[in-house]
């Protein structure tokens, strides 16, 4: 993929992608918010990090690797539209292959009529959880799952007015890779990343990695954003159905909508089932999550600036694992120039990684000394 551009006239918006070869594609629409999603064969992206501002009927577009073999482009729409035409143009003169999508304005009713409905799964039809024999007691090393937030066509936060040199997905991945090296260097921990490259992973799948591997700890790594560019510092979040403050609630709303913004609706579960799942969260797991958060805050003081009240709670989907102590670490604010510059420095990431190692050491010594 070598270029993307938008052409606008009074009645139509044209979205064009330039590629080195012709590829198969599929198109569908989603609402709340209105989006057009284009899936194509996996490509190498030569057009910059993750997204750009739109024009005409397109407010913004995002792109990236959705899953192995499939790349995804998501068009966030200003108005409901219909796909008037979609076609490939062959190479001509100085142009390579071009994928062309023509959009015309329509009513919300007509737009809604073309929306792909997520398949709902009832409790009766949901496949049973496989019975897995516990492996925790037989391991010689504690297993930690690190979860770099966002990825692929979901860039996460882009900094002040979208001007950050690196999107959140890039900062989170490089930081998680550094933290992984610091943990493994001790010889005491085995570490798994939920993603090791620029690919999108759904919220449920992230905590699912920790559950399926029977991890001892789950740490989701992110970078925050806020309208006030003066705000900076790290924050540690643990799960609670009720947010500890308004900012925590706003964070949960942003993160939980990540699956939708990226062009995939959240897993369809009735509200009453979600309530049951929250109630079923083991009290011990919640307490252990809080215990690790306390250790983490204490150790991070020596390596990075912390927010006021650095341990907060929020109703975050990615932390809703039933049996693995979990925290979400916001490394700092990409909307603050100082934080944004520091967070991509190897030295800063190493300092944070070493603080996490000390916190992990103290946590396991305190809670599992006899193990």
Protein backbone atom coordinates (compact mmCIF):
# COMPACT_ATOMS: atom_id res chain seq x y z
CA UNK A 1 0.00 0.00 0.00
CA UNK A 2 1.82 3.08 -1.22
CA UNK A 3 -0.75 5.90 -1.01
CA UNK A 4 -4.22 6.86 0.18
CA UNK A 5 -6.13 9.95 -0.89
CA UNK A 6 -9.62 11.46 -0.92
CA UNK A 7 -11.36 13.37 -3.70
CA UNK A 8 -14.45 15.47 -3.05
CA UNK A 9 -17.13 17.10 -5.15
CA UNK A 10 -20.63 18.36 -4.33
CA UNK A 11 -22.35 14.96 -4.53
CA UNK A 12 -19.62 12.39 -3.97
CA UNK A 13 -16.54 11.50 -1.92
CA UNK A 14 -13.98 9.21 -3.57
CA UNK A 15 -11.54 7.19 -1.48
CA UNK A 16 -8.52 5.81 -3.36
CA UNK A 17 -5.81 3.37 -2.29
CA UNK A 18 -2.71 2.72 -4.39
CA UNK A 19 -1.22 -0.78 -4.27
CA UNK A 20 1.60 -2.64 -5.96
CA UNK A 21 -0.78 -5.46 -6.92
CA UNK A 22 -4.49 -6.20 -7.21
CA UNK A 23 -6.04 -7.82 -4.11
CA UNK A 24 -9.38 -9.30 -3.11
CA UNK A 25 -11.57 -7.02 -0.98
CA UNK A 26 -14.83 -7.01 0.96
CA UNK A 27 -16.85 -4.06 2.28
CA UNK A 28 -19.41 -3.78 5.06
CA UNK A 29 -20.94 -1.05 7.21
CA UNK A 30 -21.35 -0.60 10.97
CA UNK A 31 -23.25 1.99 13.04
CA UNK A 32 -22.92 3.78 16.40
CA UNK A 33 -20.76 5.41 15.11
CA UNK A 34 -21.28 5.08 11.36
CA UNK A 35 -18.35 3.37 9.65
CA UNK A 36 -17.41 1.66 6.42
CA UNK A 37 -14.98 -1.24 6.80
CA UNK A 38 -12.80 -2.50 3.94
CA UNK A 39 -10.99 -5.83 4.36
CA UNK A 40 -8.24 -6.75 1.91
CA UNK A 41 -5.41 -9.27 1.71
CA UNK A 42 -2.51 -8.55 4.08
CA UNK A 43 -0.33 -5.72 2.76
CA UNK A 44 2.79 -3.83 3.76
CA UNK A 45 1.85 -0.28 4.75
CA UNK A 46 4.03 2.46 3.26
CA UNK A 47 1.74 5.38 4.15
CA UNK A 48 2.59 6.22 7.75
CA UNK A 49 1.28 5.21 11.18
CA UNK A 50 -2.24 3.97 11.50
CA UNK A 51 -4.59 6.76 10.43
CA UNK A 52 -5.23 10.21 8.97
CA UNK A 53 -7.81 12.98 8.89
CA UNK A 54 -10.51 12.67 6.23
CA UNK A 55 -12.41 14.98 3.90
CA UNK A 56 -15.88 15.18 2.38
CA UNK A 57 -18.13 12.53 3.92
CA UNK A 58 -15.14 10.88 5.66
CA UNK A 59 -14.18 12.28 9.06
CA UNK A 60 -11.12 10.08 9.53
CA UNK A 61 -9.71 6.81 8.25
CA UNK A 62 -7.67 4.12 10.05
CA UNK A 63 -5.73 1.17 8.72
CA UNK A 64 -3.54 -1.71 9.79
CA UNK A 65 -3.24 -5.47 10.14
CA UNK A 66 -6.52 -6.93 11.44
CA UNK A 67 -5.39 -10.56 11.64
CA UNK A 68 -2.80 -12.69 9.82
CA UNK A 69 -3.70 -12.60 6.14
CA UNK A 70 -6.14 -9.68 6.43
CA UNK A 71 -5.56 -5.93 6.50
CA UNK A 72 -8.38 -3.54 7.40
CA UNK A 73 -9.25 0.06 6.55
CA UNK A 74 -11.97 1.76 8.59
CA UNK A 75 -13.65 4.96 7.38
CA UNK A 76 -15.26 6.98 10.19
CA UNK A 77 -18.13 8.87 8.57
CA UNK A 78 -19.47 12.39 9.08
CA UNK A 79 -22.83 11.41 7.53
CA UNK A 80 -24.63 8.19 6.57
CA UNK A 81 -23.52 7.17 3.07
CA UNK A 82 -23.98 4.41 0.54
CA UNK A 83 -21.26 2.75 -1.52
CA UNK A 84 -22.10 3.88 -5.03
CA UNK A 85 -19.17 2.09 -6.71
CA UNK A 86 -16.13 0.04 -5.70
CA UNK A 87 -13.61 -1.18 -8.27
CA UNK A 88 -9.93 -1.62 -9.19
CA UNK A 89 -8.14 0.37 -11.87
CA UNK A 90 -5.17 -1.24 -13.64
CA UNK A 91 -1.72 0.40 -13.68
CA UNK A 92 -1.51 3.39 -16.02
CA UNK A 93 1.43 5.70 -16.76
CA UNK A 94 2.77 6.75 -13.33
CA UNK A 95 -0.05 5.08 -11.34
CA UNK A 96 0.04 1.56 -9.87
CA UNK A 97 -3.12 -0.47 -9.17
CA UNK A 98 -5.80 1.68 -7.57
CA UNK A 99 -8.72 0.60 -5.39
CA UNK A 100 -11.55 3.13 -5.74
CA UNK A 101 -14.54 3.59 -3.44
CA UNK A 102 -17.22 6.11 -4.35
CA UNK A 103 -19.54 7.28 -1.56
CA UNK A 104 -22.83 9.17 -1.86
CA UNK A 105 -24.88 10.63 0.97
CA UNK A 106 -27.98 8.70 2.07
CA UNK A 107 -30.44 8.61 4.97
CA UNK A 108 -29.67 7.00 8.31
CA UNK A 109 -32.57 4.60 7.68
CA UNK A 110 -31.10 3.38 4.40
CA UNK A 111 -27.63 3.21 5.94
CA UNK A 112 -28.96 1.13 8.84
CA UNK A 113 -30.59 -1.27 6.39
CA UNK A 114 -27.17 -2.33 5.14
CA UNK A 115 -25.50 -2.77 8.52
CA UNK A 116 -23.96 -6.14 9.25
CA UNK A 117 -25.52 -7.46 12.44
CA UNK A 118 -23.22 -9.13 14.99
CA UNK A 119 -24.19 -12.71 15.67
CA UNK A 120 -25.69 -12.94 19.13
CA UNK A 121 -24.85 -15.99 21.20
CA UNK A 122 -27.25 -17.16 23.86
CA UNK A 123 -26.13 -18.91 27.00
CA UNK A 124 -27.55 -22.15 25.59
CA UNK A 125 -25.63 -21.86 22.32
CA UNK A 126 -22.37 -20.56 23.78
CA UNK A 127 -19.81 -23.41 23.68
CA UNK A 128 -18.73 -24.64 27.12
CA UNK A 129 -15.38 -23.58 28.50
CA UNK A 130 -12.86 -26.41 28.06
CA UNK A 131 -11.75 -28.04 31.26
CA UNK A 132 -8.02 -27.37 31.60
CA UNK A 133 -5.90 -29.09 34.16
CA UNK A 134 -4.03 -26.59 36.32
CA UNK A 135 -0.40 -26.09 35.31
CA UNK A 136 0.48 -23.30 37.74
CA UNK A 137 1.73 -25.61 40.49
CA UNK A 138 4.04 -27.46 38.12
CA UNK A 139 5.82 -24.42 36.71
CA UNK A 140 9.30 -23.45 37.82
CA UNK A 141 8.79 -19.81 36.76
CA UNK A 142 5.89 -17.44 37.28
CA UNK A 143 4.08 -16.67 34.02
CA UNK A 144 3.27 -13.04 33.21
CA UNK A 145 1.21 -11.85 30.24
CA UNK A 146 2.03 -8.36 28.95
CA UNK A 147 -0.63 -6.75 26.79
CA UNK A 148 0.49 -3.87 24.51
CA UNK A 149 -2.70 -1.86 23.95
CA UNK A 150 -4.37 -1.23 20.58
CA UNK A 151 -2.59 -2.21 17.32
CA UNK A 152 -3.21 -2.66 13.61
CA UNK A 153 -6.03 -0.42 12.37
CA UNK A 154 -6.61 0.84 15.95
CA UNK A 155 -3.76 3.32 16.62
CA UNK A 156 -5.04 4.40 20.06
CA UNK A 157 -4.16 7.90 21.21
CA UNK A 158 -2.37 10.14 18.71
CA UNK A 159 -1.25 12.88 21.06
CA UNK A 160 -2.17 16.54 21.02
CA UNK A 161 -4.34 17.19 17.94
CA UNK A 162 -3.08 13.92 16.47
CA UNK A 163 0.45 15.33 16.22
CA UNK A 164 2.31 12.74 18.29
CA UNK A 165 5.32 11.34 16.40
CA UNK A 166 4.32 7.86 17.54
CA UNK A 167 0.76 6.56 18.07
CA UNK A 168 -0.14 4.80 21.30
CA UNK A 169 -0.02 1.36 19.67
CA UNK A 170 3.69 1.86 18.83
CA UNK A 171 4.70 3.23 22.24
CA UNK A 172 2.80 0.45 24.04
CA UNK A 173 4.43 -2.30 21.95
CA UNK A 174 8.01 -1.05 22.29
CA UNK A 175 7.54 -0.47 26.02
CA UNK A 176 6.04 -3.96 26.53
CA UNK A 177 8.93 -5.53 24.62
CA UNK A 178 11.40 -3.69 26.86
CA UNK A 179 9.52 -4.72 30.02
CA UNK A 180 9.51 -8.33 28.76
CA UNK A 181 13.29 -8.30 28.38
CA UNK A 182 13.77 -6.86 31.87
CA UNK A 183 11.51 -9.52 33.45
CA UNK A 184 13.10 -12.41 31.55
CA UNK A 185 16.60 -11.20 32.36
CA UNK A 186 16.02 -12.15 36.00
CA UNK A 187 15.54 -15.80 35.11
CA UNK A 188 12.51 -15.91 37.43
CA UNK A 189 9.73 -15.15 34.96
CA UNK A 190 8.30 -16.43 31.71
CA UNK A 191 6.61 -13.65 29.70
CA UNK A 192 4.03 -13.82 26.89
CA UNK A 193 2.96 -10.83 24.79
CA UNK A 194 -0.64 -10.66 23.57
CA UNK A 195 0.79 -9.17 20.38
CA UNK A 196 4.39 -8.97 19.21
CA UNK A 197 3.76 -6.90 16.08
CA UNK A 198 1.41 -4.23 14.74
CA UNK A 199 -1.79 -6.32 14.70
CA UNK A 200 -5.23 -5.80 16.19
CA UNK A 201 -6.41 -7.99 19.11
CA UNK A 202 -9.91 -7.81 20.61
CA UNK A 203 -10.30 -7.02 24.32
CA UNK A 204 -11.70 -10.42 25.23
CA UNK A 205 -8.90 -12.19 23.35
CA UNK A 206 -6.27 -10.25 25.32
CA UNK A 207 -7.49 -11.38 28.74
CA UNK A 208 -8.19 -14.76 27.11
CA UNK A 209 -4.45 -15.23 26.54
CA UNK A 210 -3.87 -14.89 30.27
CA UNK A 211 -6.75 -17.24 31.08
CA UNK A 212 -5.82 -19.95 28.56
CA UNK A 213 -2.17 -19.99 29.70
CA UNK A 214 -3.21 -19.86 33.38
CA UNK A 215 -0.98 -16.83 33.88
CA UNK A 216 0.02 -15.60 37.32
CA UNK A 217 -0.27 -11.92 36.38
CA UNK A 218 -1.69 -9.80 33.53
CA UNK A 219 -0.37 -6.28 32.79
CA UNK A 220 -1.99 -4.21 30.03
CA UNK A 221 0.30 -1.39 28.80
CA UNK A 222 -1.17 1.86 27.45
CA UNK A 223 -0.59 5.63 27.09
CA UNK A 224 -3.24 8.12 28.16
CA UNK A 225 -4.67 11.33 26.68
CA UNK A 226 -6.55 14.31 28.08
CA UNK A 227 -7.71 17.71 26.82
CA UNK A 228 -5.39 19.55 29.24
CA UNK A 229 -1.91 19.15 27.68
CA UNK A 230 -0.26 20.14 30.98
CA UNK A 231 -1.30 16.87 32.63
CA UNK A 232 1.36 14.16 32.73
CA UNK A 233 2.38 11.12 34.73
CA UNK A 234 1.68 7.39 35.05
CA UNK A 235 -1.49 5.79 36.48
CA UNK A 236 -2.31 2.21 37.49
CA UNK A 237 -5.88 0.95 37.07
CA UNK A 238 -7.60 -2.08 38.53
CA UNK A 239 -11.06 -3.38 37.74
CA UNK A 240 -14.18 -2.05 39.39
CA UNK A 241 -17.75 -1.90 38.11
CA UNK A 242 -17.83 1.67 39.44
CA UNK A 243 -15.09 4.07 38.37
CA UNK A 244 -13.12 5.84 41.09
CA UNK A 245 -13.55 9.25 39.41
CA UNK A 246 -14.81 10.97 36.27
CA UNK A 247 -11.47 10.70 34.47
CA UNK A 248 -11.33 6.94 35.15
CA UNK A 249 -14.86 6.57 33.77
CA UNK A 250 -13.87 8.49 30.62
CA UNK A 251 -10.82 6.25 30.18
CA UNK A 252 -12.99 3.13 30.45
CA UNK A 253 -15.42 4.54 27.89
CA UNK A 254 -12.58 5.24 25.43
CA UNK A 255 -10.85 1.91 25.87
CA UNK A 256 -14.02 -0.19 25.87
CA UNK A 257 -15.09 1.43 22.59
CA UNK A 258 -11.76 0.53 20.99
CA UNK A 259 -13.22 -2.60 19.39
CA UNK A 260 -16.06 -0.56 17.89
CA UNK A 261 -13.88 2.31 16.65
CA UNK A 262 -11.54 -0.19 15.02
CA UNK A 263 -14.40 -1.62 12.96
CA UNK A 264 -15.55 -4.54 15.07
CA UNK A 265 -18.52 -4.57 17.44
CA UNK A 266 -17.94 -5.79 20.96
CA UNK A 267 -18.89 -9.38 21.67
CA UNK A 268 -22.66 -9.48 21.94
CA UNK A 269 -23.66 -10.39 25.45
CA UNK A 270 -26.93 -9.44 27.14
CA UNK A 271 -26.63 -6.85 29.89
CA UNK A 272 -27.75 -9.36 32.50
CA UNK A 273 -24.96 -11.75 31.51
CA UNK A 274 -22.37 -8.98 31.78
CA UNK A 275 -23.68 -8.25 35.27
CA UNK A 276 -23.38 -11.90 36.25
CA UNK A 277 -19.81 -12.07 34.95
CA UNK A 278 -18.85 -9.04 37.00
CA UNK A 279 -20.42 -10.53 40.11
CA UNK A 280 -18.61 -13.82 39.50
CA UNK A 281 -15.18 -12.20 39.53
CA UNK A 282 -13.37 -13.93 42.33
CA UNK A 283 -12.82 -11.72 45.34
CA UNK A 284 -9.35 -13.17 45.76
CA UNK A 285 -8.41 -12.16 42.22
CA UNK A 286 -9.67 -8.61 42.81
CA UNK A 287 -7.71 -8.38 46.06
CA UNK A 288 -4.54 -9.69 44.42
CA UNK A 289 -4.92 -7.18 41.58
CA UNK A 290 -5.15 -4.37 44.12
CA UNK A 291 -2.14 -5.78 46.00
CA UNK A 292 -0.01 -5.76 42.85
CA UNK A 293 -1.20 -2.24 41.94
CA UNK A 294 -0.01 -1.02 45.36
CA UNK A 295 3.42 -2.59 44.81
CA UNK A 296 3.61 -1.18 41.28
CA UNK A 297 2.79 2.37 42.35
CA UNK A 298 5.40 2.16 45.10
CA UNK A 299 8.15 1.09 42.71
CA UNK A 300 7.26 3.37 39.79
CA UNK A 301 7.96 6.42 41.98
CA UNK A 302 11.68 5.90 41.42
CA UNK A 303 11.50 5.74 37.62
CA UNK A 304 8.71 8.04 36.40
CA UNK A 305 6.36 10.80 37.42
CA UNK A 306 3.03 9.59 38.83
CA UNK A 307 -0.40 11.21 38.70
CA UNK A 308 -2.13 12.41 41.84
CA UNK A 309 -3.91 9.34 43.25
CA UNK A 310 -1.94 7.03 40.93
CA UNK A 311 -4.01 3.92 41.76
CA UNK A 312 -7.52 4.25 40.31
CA UNK A 313 -10.35 1.91 39.39
CA UNK A 314 -12.42 1.66 36.22
CA UNK A 315 -14.79 -0.74 34.49
CA UNK A 316 -12.29 -1.85 31.83
CA UNK A 317 -13.18 -4.76 29.54
CA UNK A 318 -9.57 -5.83 29.08
CA UNK A 319 -9.26 -6.49 32.84
CA UNK A 320 -12.36 -8.69 33.07
CA UNK A 321 -10.52 -11.98 33.41
CA UNK A 322 -12.06 -14.23 36.02
CA UNK A 323 -8.96 -15.89 37.43
CA UNK A 324 -5.83 -13.81 36.73
CA UNK A 325 -4.81 -10.76 38.81
CA UNK A 326 -4.77 -7.87 36.33
CA UNK A 327 -3.80 -4.20 36.08
CA UNK A 328 -3.77 -1.61 33.32
CA UNK A 329 -0.71 0.66 33.35
CA UNK A 330 -1.00 4.06 31.68
CA UNK A 331 2.66 4.98 31.15
CA UNK A 332 1.95 8.69 30.73
CA UNK A 333 0.17 11.16 28.47
CA UNK A 334 0.86 11.45 24.74
CA UNK A 335 -1.01 14.76 24.90
CA UNK A 336 1.87 16.13 27.01
CA UNK A 337 5.04 16.96 25.04
CA UNK A 338 7.39 15.94 27.87
CA UNK A 339 5.71 12.57 28.48
CA UNK A 340 5.46 11.87 24.75
CA UNK A 341 9.18 12.53 24.24
CA UNK A 342 10.26 10.48 27.26
CA UNK A 343 8.06 7.45 26.62
CA UNK A 344 9.77 6.53 23.35
CA UNK A 345 13.24 6.73 24.89
CA UNK A 346 14.85 3.35 25.55
CA UNK A 347 16.30 4.57 28.85
CA UNK A 348 12.86 5.59 30.16
CA UNK A 349 11.33 2.27 29.15
CA UNK A 350 14.18 0.36 30.83
CA UNK A 351 13.73 2.30 34.07
CA UNK A 352 10.01 1.54 34.04
CA UNK A 353 10.76 -2.10 33.25
CA UNK A 354 13.13 -2.41 36.23
CA UNK A 355 10.54 -0.84 38.51
CA UNK A 356 8.01 -3.40 37.30
CA UNK A 357 10.49 -6.20 38.02
CA UNK A 358 10.86 -5.00 41.62
CA UNK A 359 7.09 -4.68 41.99
CA UNK A 360 6.55 -8.19 40.63
CA UNK A 361 9.24 -9.58 42.97
CA UNK A 362 7.66 -7.96 46.04
CA UNK A 363 4.15 -9.00 44.98
CA UNK A 364 5.01 -12.69 44.66
CA UNK A 365 7.12 -12.67 47.83
CA UNK A 366 4.31 -11.08 49.77
CA UNK A 367 1.44 -13.21 48.46
CA UNK A 368 3.05 -16.50 47.46
CA UNK A 369 6.14 -16.84 49.64
CA UNK A 370 5.36 -20.47 50.47
CA UNK A 371 4.96 -21.33 46.76
